[in-house]
C-alpha atoms as a PDB file:
ATOM      1  CA  MET A   1     -34.315 -26.037 -19.732  1.00  0.00           C
ATOM      2  CA  ALA A   2     -34.000 -26.532 -23.606  1.00  0.00           C
ATOM      3  CA  GLU A   3     -36.394 -24.334 -25.805  1.00  0.00           C
ATOM      4  CA  THR A   4     -38.416 -24.445 -28.968  1.00  0.00           C
ATOM      5  CA  ALA A   5     -37.319 -21.430 -31.478  1.00  0.00           C
ATOM      6  CA  GLY A   6     -40.618 -19.092 -30.331  1.00  0.00           C
ATOM      7  CA  GLY A   7     -39.265 -19.857 -26.649  1.00  0.00           C
ATOM      8  CA  GLY A   8     -41.043 -22.271 -25.079  1.00  0.00           C
ATOM      9  CA  PRO A   9     -40.330 -25.483 -23.144  1.00  0.00           C
ATOM     10  CA  LEU A  10     -39.830 -28.286 -25.869  1.00  0.00           C
ATOM     11  CA  PRO A  11     -41.557 -31.760 -25.070  1.00  0.00           C
ATOM     12  CA  ALA A  12     -40.024 -34.409 -22.844  1.00  0.00           C
ATOM     13  CA  SER A  13     -39.604 -36.715 -25.370  1.00  0.00           C
ATOM     14  CA  SER A  14     -38.194 -34.281 -28.443  1.00  0.00           C
ATOM     15  CA  ILE A  15     -35.130 -33.471 -25.634  1.00  0.00           C
ATOM     16  CA  ARG A  16     -34.384 -37.359 -24.650  1.00  0.00           C
ATOM     17  CA  GLU A  17     -34.115 -37.765 -28.639  1.00  0.00           C
ATOM     18  CA  ARG A  18     -31.989 -34.677 -29.692  1.00  0.00           C
ATOM     19  CA  VAL A  19     -30.031 -35.556 -26.376  1.00  0.00           C
ATOM     20  CA  TYR A  20     -29.488 -39.472 -27.507  1.00  0.00           C
ATOM     21  CA  GLU A  21     -28.581 -38.544 -31.166  1.00  0.00           C
ATOM     22  CA  GLU A  22     -26.357 -35.855 -30.024  1.00  0.00           C
ATOM     23  CA  ILE A  23     -24.119 -38.199 -27.699  1.00  0.00           C
ATOM     24  CA  LYS A  24     -24.497 -41.245 -30.277  1.00  0.00           C
ATOM     25  CA  GLU A  25     -22.913 -38.556 -33.096  1.00  0.00           C
ATOM     26  CA  ARG A  26     -20.189 -37.693 -30.769  1.00  0.00           C
ATOM     27  CA  ILE A  27     -19.431 -41.154 -30.207  1.00  0.00           C
ATOM     28  CA  VAL A  28     -19.625 -42.736 -33.875  1.00  0.00           C
ATOM     29  CA  ASN A  29     -18.299 -39.693 -35.291  1.00  0.00           C
ATOM     30  CA  GLY A  30     -14.967 -40.250 -33.311  1.00  0.00           C
ATOM     31  CA  ALA A  31     -15.303 -36.995 -30.910  1.00  0.00           C
ATOM     32  CA  VAL A  32     -15.488 -38.817 -28.141  1.00  0.00           C
ATOM     33  CA  GLY A  33     -11.422 -40.569 -27.402  1.00  0.00           C
ATOM     34  CA  PRO A  34     -11.177 -44.097 -26.714  1.00  0.00           C
ATOM     35  CA  THR A  35      -9.847 -43.264 -22.997  1.00  0.00           C
ATOM     36  CA  GLU A  36     -12.778 -40.123 -22.774  1.00  0.00           C
ATOM     37  CA  ARG A  37     -15.122 -40.711 -19.831  1.00  0.00           C
ATOM     38  CA  LEU A  38     -18.755 -39.521 -19.965  1.00  0.00           C
ATOM     39  CA  VAL A  39     -20.277 -37.907 -17.402  1.00  0.00           C
ATOM     40  CA  GLU A  40     -24.077 -37.387 -16.810  1.00  0.00           C
ATOM     41  CA  THR A  41     -23.521 -33.657 -14.857  1.00  0.00           C
ATOM     42  CA  ARG A  42     -20.732 -32.781 -17.227  1.00  0.00           C
ATOM     43  CA  LEU A  43     -23.010 -33.863 -20.624  1.00  0.00           C
ATOM     44  CA  ALA A  44     -26.099 -31.889 -18.781  1.00  0.00           C
ATOM     45  CA  GLU A  45     -24.361 -28.749 -18.516  1.00  0.00           C
ATOM     46  CA  GLU A  46     -22.774 -29.096 -22.367  1.00  0.00           C
ATOM     47  CA  LEU A  47     -25.920 -29.755 -23.836  1.00  0.00           C
ATOM     48  CA  ARG A  48     -27.983 -27.217 -21.510  1.00  0.00           C
ATOM     49  CA  VAL A  49     -30.660 -29.581 -19.970  1.00  0.00           C
ATOM     50  CA  SER A  50     -31.454 -31.889 -16.741  1.00  0.00           C
ATOM     51  CA  ARG A  51     -29.433 -34.875 -15.804  1.00  0.00           C
ATOM     52  CA  THR A  52     -32.863 -37.317 -16.228  1.00  0.00           C
ATOM     53  CA  PRO A  53     -32.336 -37.438 -20.555  1.00  0.00           C
ATOM     54  CA  VAL A  54     -28.644 -37.830 -20.592  1.00  0.00           C
ATOM     55  CA  ARG A  55     -28.699 -40.621 -18.013  1.00  0.00           C
ATOM     56  CA  GLU A  56     -31.045 -42.316 -19.956  1.00  0.00           C
ATOM     57  CA  ALA A  57     -29.160 -41.606 -23.291  1.00  0.00           C
ATOM     58  CA  LEU A  58     -26.141 -43.067 -21.746  1.00  0.00           C
ATOM     59  CA  HIS A  59     -27.682 -46.318 -20.942  1.00  0.00           C
ATOM     60  CA  VAL A  60     -29.474 -46.743 -23.877  1.00  0.00           C
ATOM     61  CA  LEU A  61     -26.110 -46.167 -25.615  1.00  0.00           C
ATOM     62  CA  LYS A  62     -24.447 -48.982 -23.498  1.00  0.00           C
ATOM     63  CA  MET A  63     -27.457 -51.325 -24.132  1.00  0.00           C
ATOM     64  CA  GLU A  64     -26.933 -51.068 -27.586  1.00  0.00           C
ATOM     65  CA  GLY A  65     -23.214 -51.485 -27.135  1.00  0.00           C
ATOM     66  CA  LEU A  66     -21.679 -48.425 -28.043  1.00  0.00           C
ATOM     67  CA  LEU A  67     -20.344 -47.924 -24.183  1.00  0.00           C
ATOM     68  CA  GLU A  68     -19.780 -49.349 -20.706  1.00  0.00           C
ATOM     69  CA  PRO A  69     -19.446 -48.125 -17.408  1.00  0.00           C
ATOM     70  CA  VAL A  70     -16.053 -47.425 -15.616  1.00  0.00           C
ATOM     71  CA  ALA A  71     -14.971 -47.890 -11.869  1.00  0.00           C
ATOM     72  CA  ARG A  72     -14.994 -44.304 -11.390  1.00  0.00           C
ATOM     73  CA  GLY A  73     -18.432 -43.273 -12.537  1.00  0.00           C
ATOM     74  CA  GLY A  74     -19.341 -43.113 -15.880  1.00  0.00           C
ATOM     75  CA  TYR A  75     -19.368 -44.429 -19.335  1.00  0.00           C
ATOM     76  CA  ARG A  76     -16.477 -44.650 -22.015  1.00  0.00           C
ATOM     77  CA  VAL A  77     -16.651 -46.017 -25.218  1.00  0.00           C
ATOM     78  CA  ARG A  78     -16.313 -50.016 -25.707  1.00  0.00           C
ATOM     79  CA  ARG A  79     -13.421 -51.513 -26.548  1.00  0.00           C
ATOM     80  CA  ILE A  80     -13.396 -53.628 -29.481  1.00  0.00           C
ATOM     81  CA  ARG A  81     -13.421 -57.620 -29.479  1.00  0.00           C
ATOM     82  CA  TRP A  82     -12.969 -59.214 -31.801  1.00  0.00           C
ATOM     83  CA  GLU A  83     -14.785 -62.428 -31.151  1.00  0.00           C
ATOM     84  CA  GLU A  84     -17.815 -60.042 -30.522  1.00  0.00           C
ATOM     85  CA  VAL A  85     -17.010 -58.853 -34.551  1.00  0.00           C
ATOM     86  CA  GLU A  86     -16.666 -62.886 -35.835  1.00  0.00           C
ATOM     87  CA  GLU A  87     -20.096 -63.825 -33.957  1.00  0.00           C
ATOM     88  CA  ILE A  88     -21.924 -60.417 -34.734  1.00  0.00           C
ATOM     89  CA  CYS A  89     -21.351 -61.224 -38.814  1.00  0.00           C
ATOM     90  CA  GLU A  90     -22.327 -64.537 -38.619  1.00  0.00           C
ATOM     91  CA  ILE A  91     -25.164 -63.792 -37.443  1.00  0.00           C
ATOM     92  CA  ARG A  92     -26.104 -60.738 -39.368  1.00  0.00           C
ATOM     93  CA  ALA A  93     -25.318 -63.602 -42.351  1.00  0.00           C
ATOM     94  CA  VAL A  94     -27.955 -65.727 -41.027  1.00  0.00           C
ATOM     95  CA  SER A  95     -30.649 -63.339 -40.450  1.00  0.00           C
ATOM     96  CA  GLU A  96     -29.877 -60.988 -43.564  1.00  0.00           C
ATOM     97  CA  SER A  97     -29.814 -63.846 -45.674  1.00  0.00           C
ATOM     98  CA  LEU A  98     -33.315 -65.196 -44.406  1.00  0.00           C
ATOM     99  CA  ALA A  99     -34.662 -61.373 -44.643  1.00  0.00           C
ATOM    100  CA  ALA A 100     -33.615 -60.995 -48.538  1.00  0.00           C
ATOM    101  CA  ARG A 101     -35.391 -64.376 -49.252  1.00  0.00           C
ATOM    102  CA  TRP A 102     -38.019 -63.135 -47.695  1.00  0.00           C
ATOM    103  CA  ALA A 103     -37.803 -60.248 -49.951  1.00  0.00           C
ATOM    104  CA  ILE A 104     -37.687 -61.651 -52.770  1.00  0.00           C
ATOM    105  CA  GLU A 105     -40.865 -63.175 -52.302  1.00  0.00           C
ATOM    106  CA  ARG A 106     -42.417 -59.695 -50.919  1.00  0.00           C
ATOM    107  CA  ALA A 107     -40.580 -56.727 -51.919  1.00  0.00           C
ATOM    108  CA  SER A 108     -42.800 -54.403 -54.693  1.00  0.00           C
ATOM    109  CA  PRO A 109     -40.990 -53.219 -57.615  1.00  0.00           C
ATOM    110  CA  GLU A 110     -41.113 -50.105 -55.909  1.00  0.00           C
ATOM    111  CA  ASP A 111     -39.370 -51.333 -53.052  1.00  0.00           C
ATOM    112  CA  LEU A 112     -36.410 -52.383 -55.448  1.00  0.00           C
ATOM    113  CA  LEU A 113     -36.658 -48.988 -57.280  1.00  0.00           C
ATOM    114  CA  PHE A 114     -36.045 -47.117 -53.821  1.00  0.00           C
ATOM    115  CA  LEU A 115     -32.757 -49.491 -52.866  1.00  0.00           C
ATOM    116  CA  LYS A 116     -31.485 -48.620 -56.253  1.00  0.00           C
ATOM    117  CA  GLU A 117     -32.012 -45.108 -56.185  1.00  0.00           C
ATOM    118  CA  GLN A 118     -30.831 -45.209 -52.519  1.00  0.00           C
ATOM    119  CA  LEU A 119     -27.754 -46.635 -54.212  1.00  0.00           C
ATOM    120  CA  ASP A 120     -27.195 -44.424 -56.418  1.00  0.00           C
ATOM    121  CA  ALA A 121     -27.480 -41.290 -54.776  1.00  0.00           C
ATOM    122  CA  VAL A 122     -24.998 -42.359 -52.301  1.00  0.00           C
ATOM    123  CA  GLU A 123     -22.601 -43.667 -55.257  1.00  0.00           C
ATOM    124  CA  VAL A 124     -22.400 -40.296 -56.798  1.00  0.00           C
ATOM    125  CA  GLN A 125     -22.049 -38.300 -52.970  1.00  0.00           C
ATOM    126  CA  VAL A 126     -19.068 -40.655 -52.376  1.00  0.00           C
ATOM    127  CA  ARG A 127     -17.591 -40.172 -56.058  1.00  0.00           C
ATOM    128  CA  GLU A 128     -17.794 -36.626 -55.355  1.00  0.00           C
ATOM    129  CA  GLY A 129     -15.335 -36.812 -52.430  1.00  0.00           C
ATOM    130  CA  ARG A 130     -17.967 -37.370 -49.572  1.00  0.00           C
ATOM    131  CA  PRO A 131     -17.451 -40.663 -48.306  1.00  0.00           C
ATOM    132  CA  GLU A 132     -19.406 -40.071 -44.828  1.00  0.00           C
ATOM    133  CA  SER A 133     -22.148 -39.783 -46.874  1.00  0.00           C
ATOM    134  CA  PHE A 134     -21.840 -43.609 -46.520  1.00  0.00           C
ATOM    135  CA  VAL A 135     -22.302 -44.063 -42.917  1.00  0.00           C
ATOM    136  CA  ASP A 136     -26.225 -43.168 -43.470  1.00  0.00           C
ATOM    137  CA  GLY A 137     -25.912 -44.546 -46.653  1.00  0.00           C
ATOM    138  CA  ASP A 138     -25.244 -48.151 -45.370  1.00  0.00           C
ATOM    139  CA  ALA A 139     -27.417 -48.144 -42.641  1.00  0.00           C
ATOM    140  CA  GLU A 140     -30.110 -47.478 -44.803  1.00  0.00           C
ATOM    141  CA  PHE A 141     -29.507 -49.700 -47.722  1.00  0.00           C
ATOM    142  CA  HIS A 142     -29.695 -52.842 -44.980  1.00  0.00           C
ATOM    143  CA  GLU A 143     -33.011 -51.340 -43.124  1.00  0.00           C
ATOM    144  CA  ALA A 144     -34.496 -51.114 -46.336  1.00  0.00           C
ATOM    145  CA  LEU A 145     -33.563 -54.562 -47.061  1.00  0.00           C
ATOM    146  CA  VAL A 146     -35.088 -55.398 -44.269  1.00  0.00           C
ATOM    147  CA  ARG A 147     -38.102 -54.124 -43.864  1.00  0.00           C
ATOM    148  CA  ALA A 148     -39.159 -55.249 -47.695  1.00  0.00           C
ATOM    149  CA  SER A 149     -38.561 -58.897 -46.370  1.00  0.00           C
ATOM    150  CA  GLY A 150     -42.107 -57.813 -44.358  1.00  0.00           C
ATOM    151  CA  SER A 151     -40.932 -59.241 -41.083  1.00  0.00           C
ATOM    152  CA  LYS A 152     -41.467 -56.696 -38.368  1.00  0.00           C
ATOM    153  CA  ARG A 153     -39.889 -59.027 -35.774  1.00  0.00           C
ATOM    154  CA  LEU A 154     -36.488 -59.934 -38.160  1.00  0.00           C
ATOM    155  CA  PHE A 155     -36.138 -56.085 -39.143  1.00  0.00           C
ATOM    156  CA  ASP A 156     -36.248 -55.399 -35.070  1.00  0.00           C
ATOM    157  CA  ILE A 157     -33.469 -58.285 -34.551  1.00  0.00           C
ATOM    158  CA  CYS A 158     -31.537 -56.983 -37.816  1.00  0.00           C
ATOM    159  CA  GLN A 159     -31.021 -53.508 -36.431  1.00  0.00           C
ATOM    160  CA  SER A 160     -30.345 -54.428 -33.120  1.00  0.00           C
ATOM    161  CA  LEU A 161     -27.346 -56.317 -34.793  1.00  0.00           C
ATOM    162  CA  ARG A 162     -26.467 -53.540 -36.901  1.00  0.00           C
ATOM    163  CA  ALA A 163     -26.534 -51.132 -33.921  1.00  0.00           C
ATOM    164  CA  ALA A 164     -24.192 -53.704 -31.967  1.00  0.00           C
ATOM    165  CA  MET A 165     -21.534 -53.704 -35.295  1.00  0.00           C
ATOM    166  CA  LEU A 166     -21.593 -49.920 -35.192  1.00  0.00           C
ATOM    167  CA  LEU A 167     -18.955 -49.345 -32.727  1.00  0.00           C
ATOM    168  CA  TYR A 168     -16.384 -51.759 -35.128  1.00  0.00           C
ATOM    169  CA  ARG A 169     -18.026 -50.207 -38.251  1.00  0.00           C
ATOM    170  CA  ILE A 170     -17.886 -47.162 -37.746  1.00  0.00           C
ATOM    171  CA  GLU A 171     -14.139 -46.459 -38.431  1.00  0.00           C
ATOM    172  CA  THR A 172     -13.971 -47.914 -41.817  1.00  0.00           C
ATOM    173  CA  LEU A 173     -17.287 -46.094 -43.140  1.00  0.00           C
ATOM    174  CA  TYR A 174     -15.245 -42.770 -43.852  1.00  0.00           C
ATOM    175  CA  ASP A 175     -12.841 -44.064 -45.997  1.00  0.00           C
ATOM    176  CA  PRO A 176     -13.763 -43.548 -49.532  1.00  0.00           C
ATOM    177  CA  GLU A 177     -11.777 -46.660 -50.824  1.00  0.00           C
ATOM    178  CA  ILE A 178     -13.823 -48.762 -48.120  1.00  0.00           C
ATOM    179  CA  ALA A 179     -16.762 -46.953 -48.906  1.00  0.00           C
ATOM    180  CA  MET A 180     -16.545 -48.128 -52.650  1.00  0.00           C
ATOM    181  CA  ARG A 181     -16.326 -51.377 -52.043  1.00  0.00           C
ATOM    182  CA  GLY A 182     -19.048 -51.752 -49.569  1.00  0.00           C
ATOM    183  CA  ILE A 183     -21.613 -50.093 -52.944  1.00  0.00           C
ATOM    184  CA  SER A 184     -20.352 -52.534 -54.775  1.00  0.00           C
ATOM    185  CA  GLY A 185     -21.308 -55.246 -52.296  1.00  0.00           C
ATOM    186  CA  HIS A 186     -24.933 -53.626 -51.785  1.00  0.00           C
ATOM    187  CA  ARG A 187     -25.029 -53.723 -55.459  1.00  0.00           C
ATOM    188  CA  ARG A 188     -24.711 -57.574 -56.003  1.00  0.00           C
ATOM    189  CA  ILE A 189     -26.809 -57.813 -52.890  1.00  0.00           C
ATOM    190  CA  LEU A 190     -29.352 -55.568 -55.385  1.00  0.00           C
ATOM    191  CA  ASP A 191     -28.456 -57.555 -58.688  1.00  0.00           C
ATOM    192  CA  ARG A 192     -29.279 -60.615 -57.011  1.00  0.00           C
ATOM    193  CA  LEU A 193     -32.665 -59.268 -55.655  1.00  0.00           C
ATOM    194  CA  ILE A 194     -34.417 -58.588 -58.899  1.00  0.00           C
ATOM    195  CA  ASP A 195     -32.852 -61.434 -60.092  1.00  0.00           C
ATOM    196  CA  ARG A 196     -35.291 -63.173 -57.868  1.00  0.00           C
ATOM    197  CA  ASP A 197     -31.871 -65.787 -57.071  1.00  0.00           C
ATOM    198  CA  PRO A 198     -32.115 -66.845 -53.525  1.00  0.00           C
ATOM    199  CA  VAL A 199     -28.968 -68.771 -53.363  1.00  0.00           C
ATOM    200  CA  GLY A 200     -27.223 -66.123 -54.861  1.00  0.00           C
ATOM    201  CA  VAL A 201     -28.485 -63.523 -52.606  1.00  0.00           C
ATOM    202  CA  GLU A 202     -27.232 -65.302 -49.643  1.00  0.00           C
ATOM    203  CA  ALA A 203     -23.969 -65.808 -51.282  1.00  0.00           C
ATOM    204  CA  ALA A 204     -24.191 -62.199 -52.199  1.00  0.00           C
ATOM    205  CA  ILE A 205     -24.847 -61.175 -48.097  1.00  0.00           C
ATOM    206  CA  ARG A 206     -22.324 -63.151 -46.802  1.00  0.00           C
ATOM    207  CA  GLU A 207     -19.223 -62.034 -49.164  1.00  0.00           C
ATOM    208  CA  HIS A 208     -20.167 -58.690 -48.582  1.00  0.00           C
ATOM    209  CA  LEU A 209     -20.193 -58.794 -44.875  1.00  0.00           C
ATOM    210  CA  ALA A 210     -16.761 -61.095 -45.490  1.00  0.00           C
ATOM    211  CA  GLN A 211     -15.515 -57.825 -46.553  1.00  0.00           C
ATOM    212  CA  VAL A 212     -17.088 -55.821 -43.700  1.00  0.00           C
ATOM    213  CA  LYS A 213     -15.356 -58.034 -41.551  1.00  0.00           C
ATOM    214  CA  ARG A 214     -12.030 -57.709 -43.491  1.00  0.00           C
ATOM    215  CA  ASP A 215     -12.313 -54.474 -43.703  1.00  0.00           C
ATOM    216  CA  ILE A 216     -12.867 -54.111 -39.691  1.00  0.00           C
ATOM    217  CA  TRP A 217      -9.773 -56.084 -38.899  1.00  0.00           C
ATOM    218  CA  GLU A 218      -7.534 -53.911 -39.939  1.00  0.00           C
ATOM    219  CA  PHE A 219      -8.976 -50.388 -40.264  1.00  0.00           C
ATOM    220  CA  ALA A 220     -10.468 -50.665 -36.795  1.00  0.00           C
ATOM    221  CA  PHE A 221      -9.216 -53.817 -34.850  1.00  0.00           C
ATOM    222  CA  LEU A 222      -5.411 -53.431 -35.539  1.00  0.00           C
ATOM    223  CA  LYS A 223      -5.591 -49.553 -35.096  1.00  0.00           C
ATOM    224  CA  SER A 224      -7.436 -49.768 -31.227  1.00  0.00           C
ATOM    225  CA  ARG A 225      -4.609 -52.375 -30.274  1.00  0.00           C
ATOM    226  CA  ALA A 226      -2.182 -49.919 -31.431  1.00  0.00           C
ATOM    227  CA  ARG A 227      -3.402 -46.994 -29.390  1.00  0.00           C
END
């Protein structure tokens, strides 16, 4: 059983969260190969937990679109399907454009300042040779943008779409050149937010996601087909 630093057992919710985060991290950082089978018993032994939190984590990751079941039992990382990339990018363009328009009306100066400071911090880290910082930075920017819309329902929708996109996007986010392109795209979006320009912010979001789609095609989809 997993224990705290003081030797007592961890709460069940903490164990579930830790197991989920650990397995997800293995997926998104490429530690789990495309043909590797994820099995409850093996993962439970590695993580030194019971099979229940592992089973729950695998189920959630399947629902998020990161895993798919295999005939022999267990799961594997989902294979990239280009039609899904196109569909998700288009839906994200619509939903995030709506979020940005609402953010123009509802975002506080503190919201916009947070976006700018977050973006500045990530750019410094990437320029210092840590492109992996853009993985979390990209998520934080889009989450903060949608949260500024003031709509919990829209936030949940956008988060679901971003989770579905992660499998395709993650391979591109560690590339310094792609990270800097992503940061530039975020800056254009932020500039239009600050200008309170609804037409401009939608154009910036669509341009950013079109570039994301091109990066996925070149660096993730074609790579996966070559395996």
